Amino acid sequence: MSPLHLCFYSAFTLSSLGLAFHRTHLVSALLCLESMMLSMYMTLSIWPVENQMTSSTLTPMMMLTFSACEAGTGLAMLVATTRTHGSDQLHNLNLLQC
């Protein structure tokens, strides 16, 4: 395993661990999701170059587009949650109160 692969795998693992263990604020959960998406984007961008393929170069651009849409949706949810509940703490969010 090359050091580049190890770096991307460890970035994805650390961000998923951060999502699993540090779920106090919605902003931290969104940042962990965004770092997971960026590490996957970097991995998918490097993969065709390493394998000398030109057929799968569109996949990283589609993933980056979906990541931008996910970030916009997450920020809209953050604003709506802060306005309705007063804070962005995840323990205040309860589906039974909707």
C-alpha atoms as a PDB file:
ATOM      1  CA  MET A   1       0.000   0.000   0.000  1.00  0.00           C
ATOM      2  CA  SER A   2       1.431   3.326  -1.007  1.00  0.00           C
ATOM      3  CA  PRO A   3       1.638   6.251   1.437  1.00  0.00           C
ATOM      4  CA  LEU A   4      -0.911   8.127  -0.679  1.00  0.00           C
ATOM      5  CA  HIS A   5      -3.478   5.344  -0.263  1.00  0.00           C
ATOM      6  CA  LEU A   6      -2.743   5.142   3.437  1.00  0.00           C
ATOM      7  CA  CYS A   7      -3.311   8.880   3.774  1.00  0.00           C
ATOM      8  CA  PHE A   8      -6.698   8.744   2.023  1.00  0.00           C
ATOM      9  CA  TYR A   9      -7.835   5.649   3.923  1.00  0.00           C
ATOM     10  CA  SER A  10      -6.814   7.134   7.243  1.00  0.00           C
ATOM     11  CA  ALA A  11      -8.596  10.428   6.428  1.00  0.00           C
ATOM     12  CA  PHE A  12     -11.793   8.531   5.644  1.00  0.00           C
ATOM     13  CA  THR A  13     -11.465   6.379   8.770  1.00  0.00           C
ATOM     14  CA  LEU A  14     -10.784   9.326  11.052  1.00  0.00           C
ATOM     15  CA  SER A  15     -13.725  11.279   9.701  1.00  0.00           C
ATOM     16  CA  SER A  16     -16.053   8.297  10.099  1.00  0.00           C
ATOM     17  CA  LEU A  17     -14.820   7.816  13.667  1.00  0.00           C
ATOM     18  CA  GLY A  18     -15.396  11.501  14.295  1.00  0.00           C
ATOM     19  CA  LEU A  19     -18.933  11.125  12.991  1.00  0.00           C
ATOM     20  CA  ALA A  20     -19.521   8.110  15.197  1.00  0.00           C
ATOM     21  CA  PHE A  21     -18.102   9.445  18.467  1.00  0.00           C
ATOM     22  CA  HIS A  22     -18.404  13.255  18.425  1.00  0.00           C
ATOM     23  CA  ARG A  23     -22.046  13.841  17.627  1.00  0.00           C
ATOM     24  CA  THR A  24     -22.782  16.806  19.835  1.00  0.00           C
ATOM     25  CA  HIS A  25     -23.322  19.528  17.240  1.00  0.00           C
ATOM     26  CA  LEU A  26     -24.792  19.388  13.766  1.00  0.00           C
ATOM     27  CA  VAL A  27     -21.880  21.411  12.408  1.00  0.00           C
ATOM     28  CA  SER A  28     -19.338  18.783  13.518  1.00  0.00           C
ATOM     29  CA  ALA A  29     -21.418  15.999  11.950  1.00  0.00           C
ATOM     30  CA  LEU A  30     -21.637  17.935   8.683  1.00  0.00           C
ATOM     31  CA  LEU A  31     -17.891  18.594   8.700  1.00  0.00           C
ATOM     32  CA  CYS A  32     -17.187  14.894   9.208  1.00  0.00           C
ATOM     33  CA  LEU A  33     -19.489  14.005   6.320  1.00  0.00           C
ATOM     34  CA  GLU A  34     -17.814  16.599   4.122  1.00  0.00           C
ATOM     35  CA  SER A  35     -14.326  15.294   4.931  1.00  0.00           C
ATOM     36  CA  MET A  36     -15.491  11.759   4.109  1.00  0.00           C
ATOM     37  CA  MET A  37     -16.775  12.949   0.753  1.00  0.00           C
ATOM     38  CA  LEU A  38     -13.560  14.870   0.005  1.00  0.00           C
ATOM     39  CA  SER A  39     -11.347  11.889   0.822  1.00  0.00           C
ATOM     40  CA  MET A  40     -13.490   9.709  -1.448  1.00  0.00           C
ATOM     41  CA  TYR A  41     -13.255  12.386  -4.162  1.00  0.00           C
ATOM     42  CA  MET A  42      -9.474  12.480  -3.933  1.00  0.00           C
ATOM     43  CA  THR A  43      -9.288   8.691  -4.061  1.00  0.00           C
ATOM     44  CA  LEU A  44     -11.541   8.526  -7.123  1.00  0.00           C
ATOM     45  CA  SER A  45      -9.528  11.293  -8.793  1.00  0.00           C
ATOM     46  CA  ILE A  46      -6.194   9.535  -8.310  1.00  0.00           C
ATOM     47  CA  TRP A  47      -7.421   6.048  -9.242  1.00  0.00           C
ATOM     48  CA  PRO A  48      -7.730   6.506 -13.055  1.00  0.00           C
ATOM     49  CA  VAL A  49      -4.313   8.179 -13.176  1.00  0.00           C
ATOM     50  CA  GLU A  50      -2.674   5.246 -11.408  1.00  0.00           C
ATOM     51  CA  ASN A  51      -4.337   2.687 -13.685  1.00  0.00           C
ATOM     52  CA  GLN A  52      -3.772   4.682 -16.927  1.00  0.00           C
ATOM     53  CA  MET A  53      -7.506   4.726 -17.675  1.00  0.00           C
ATOM     54  CA  THR A  54      -9.424   7.575 -19.255  1.00  0.00           C
ATOM     55  CA  SER A  55     -12.917   6.075 -19.141  1.00  0.00           C
ATOM     56  CA  SER A  56     -13.824   6.845 -15.526  1.00  0.00           C
ATOM     57  CA  THR A  57     -12.829  10.493 -15.317  1.00  0.00           C
ATOM     58  CA  LEU A  58     -16.447  11.683 -15.057  1.00  0.00           C
ATOM     59  CA  THR A  59     -17.151   9.888 -11.769  1.00  0.00           C
ATOM     60  CA  PRO A  60     -15.164  12.259  -9.501  1.00  0.00           C
ATOM     61  CA  MET A  61     -16.873  15.298 -11.021  1.00  0.00           C
ATOM     62  CA  MET A  62     -20.320  13.820 -10.389  1.00  0.00           C
ATOM     63  CA  MET A  63     -19.312  12.994  -6.839  1.00  0.00           C
ATOM     64  CA  LEU A  64     -18.044  16.534  -6.276  1.00  0.00           C
ATOM     65  CA  THR A  65     -21.374  17.866  -7.552  1.00  0.00           C
ATOM     66  CA  PHE A  66     -23.302  15.635  -5.149  1.00  0.00           C
ATOM     67  CA  SER A  67     -20.992  16.708  -2.334  1.00  0.00           C
ATOM     68  CA  ALA A  68     -21.741  20.378  -3.023  1.00  0.00           C
ATOM     69  CA  CYS A  69     -25.477  19.632  -3.029  1.00  0.00           C
ATOM     70  CA  GLU A  70     -25.103  17.739   0.248  1.00  0.00           C
ATOM     71  CA  ALA A  71     -23.236  20.647   1.819  1.00  0.00           C
ATOM     72  CA  GLY A  72     -25.911  23.120   0.727  1.00  0.00           C
ATOM     73  CA  THR A  73     -28.676  20.910   2.076  1.00  0.00           C
ATOM     74  CA  GLY A  74     -26.820  20.410   5.345  1.00  0.00           C
ATOM     75  CA  LEU A  75     -26.318  24.130   5.836  1.00  0.00           C
ATOM     76  CA  ALA A  76     -29.999  24.769   5.099  1.00  0.00           C
ATOM     77  CA  MET A  77     -30.915  22.166   7.723  1.00  0.00           C
ATOM     78  CA  LEU A  78     -28.513  23.819  10.154  1.00  0.00           C
ATOM     79  CA  VAL A  79     -30.137  27.228   9.688  1.00  0.00           C
ATOM     80  CA  ALA A  80     -33.636  25.781   9.991  1.00  0.00           C
ATOM     81  CA  THR A  81     -32.715  23.800  13.109  1.00  0.00           C
ATOM     82  CA  THR A  82     -31.069  26.774  14.767  1.00  0.00           C
ATOM     83  CA  ARG A  83     -34.099  28.949  14.077  1.00  0.00           C
ATOM     84  CA  THR A  84     -36.639  26.442  15.389  1.00  0.00           C
ATOM     85  CA  HIS A  85     -34.753  24.844  18.301  1.00  0.00           C
ATOM     86  CA  GLY A  86     -32.389  27.652  19.278  1.00  0.00           C
ATOM     87  CA  SER A  87     -29.174  25.617  18.989  1.00  0.00           C
ATOM     88  CA  ASP A  88     -27.481  23.109  16.747  1.00  0.00           C
ATOM     89  CA  GLN A  89     -26.993  20.406  19.346  1.00  0.00           C
ATOM     90  CA  LEU A  90     -28.094  17.028  18.097  1.00  0.00           C
ATOM     91  CA  HIS A  91     -29.592  15.829  21.389  1.00  0.00           C
ATOM     92  CA  ASN A  92     -32.234  18.581  21.088  1.00  0.00           C
ATOM     93  CA  LEU A  93     -33.463  17.139  17.817  1.00  0.00           C
ATOM     94  CA  ASN A  94     -36.226  14.612  18.335  1.00  0.00           C
ATOM     95  CA  LEU A  95     -38.412  13.250  15.576  1.00  0.00           C
ATOM     96  CA  LEU A  96     -41.375  12.940  17.939  1.00  0.00           C
ATOM     97  CA  GLN A  97     -41.486  16.721  18.416  1.00  0.00           C
ATOM     98  CA  CYS A  98     -42.027  17.519  14.724  1.00  0.00           C
END
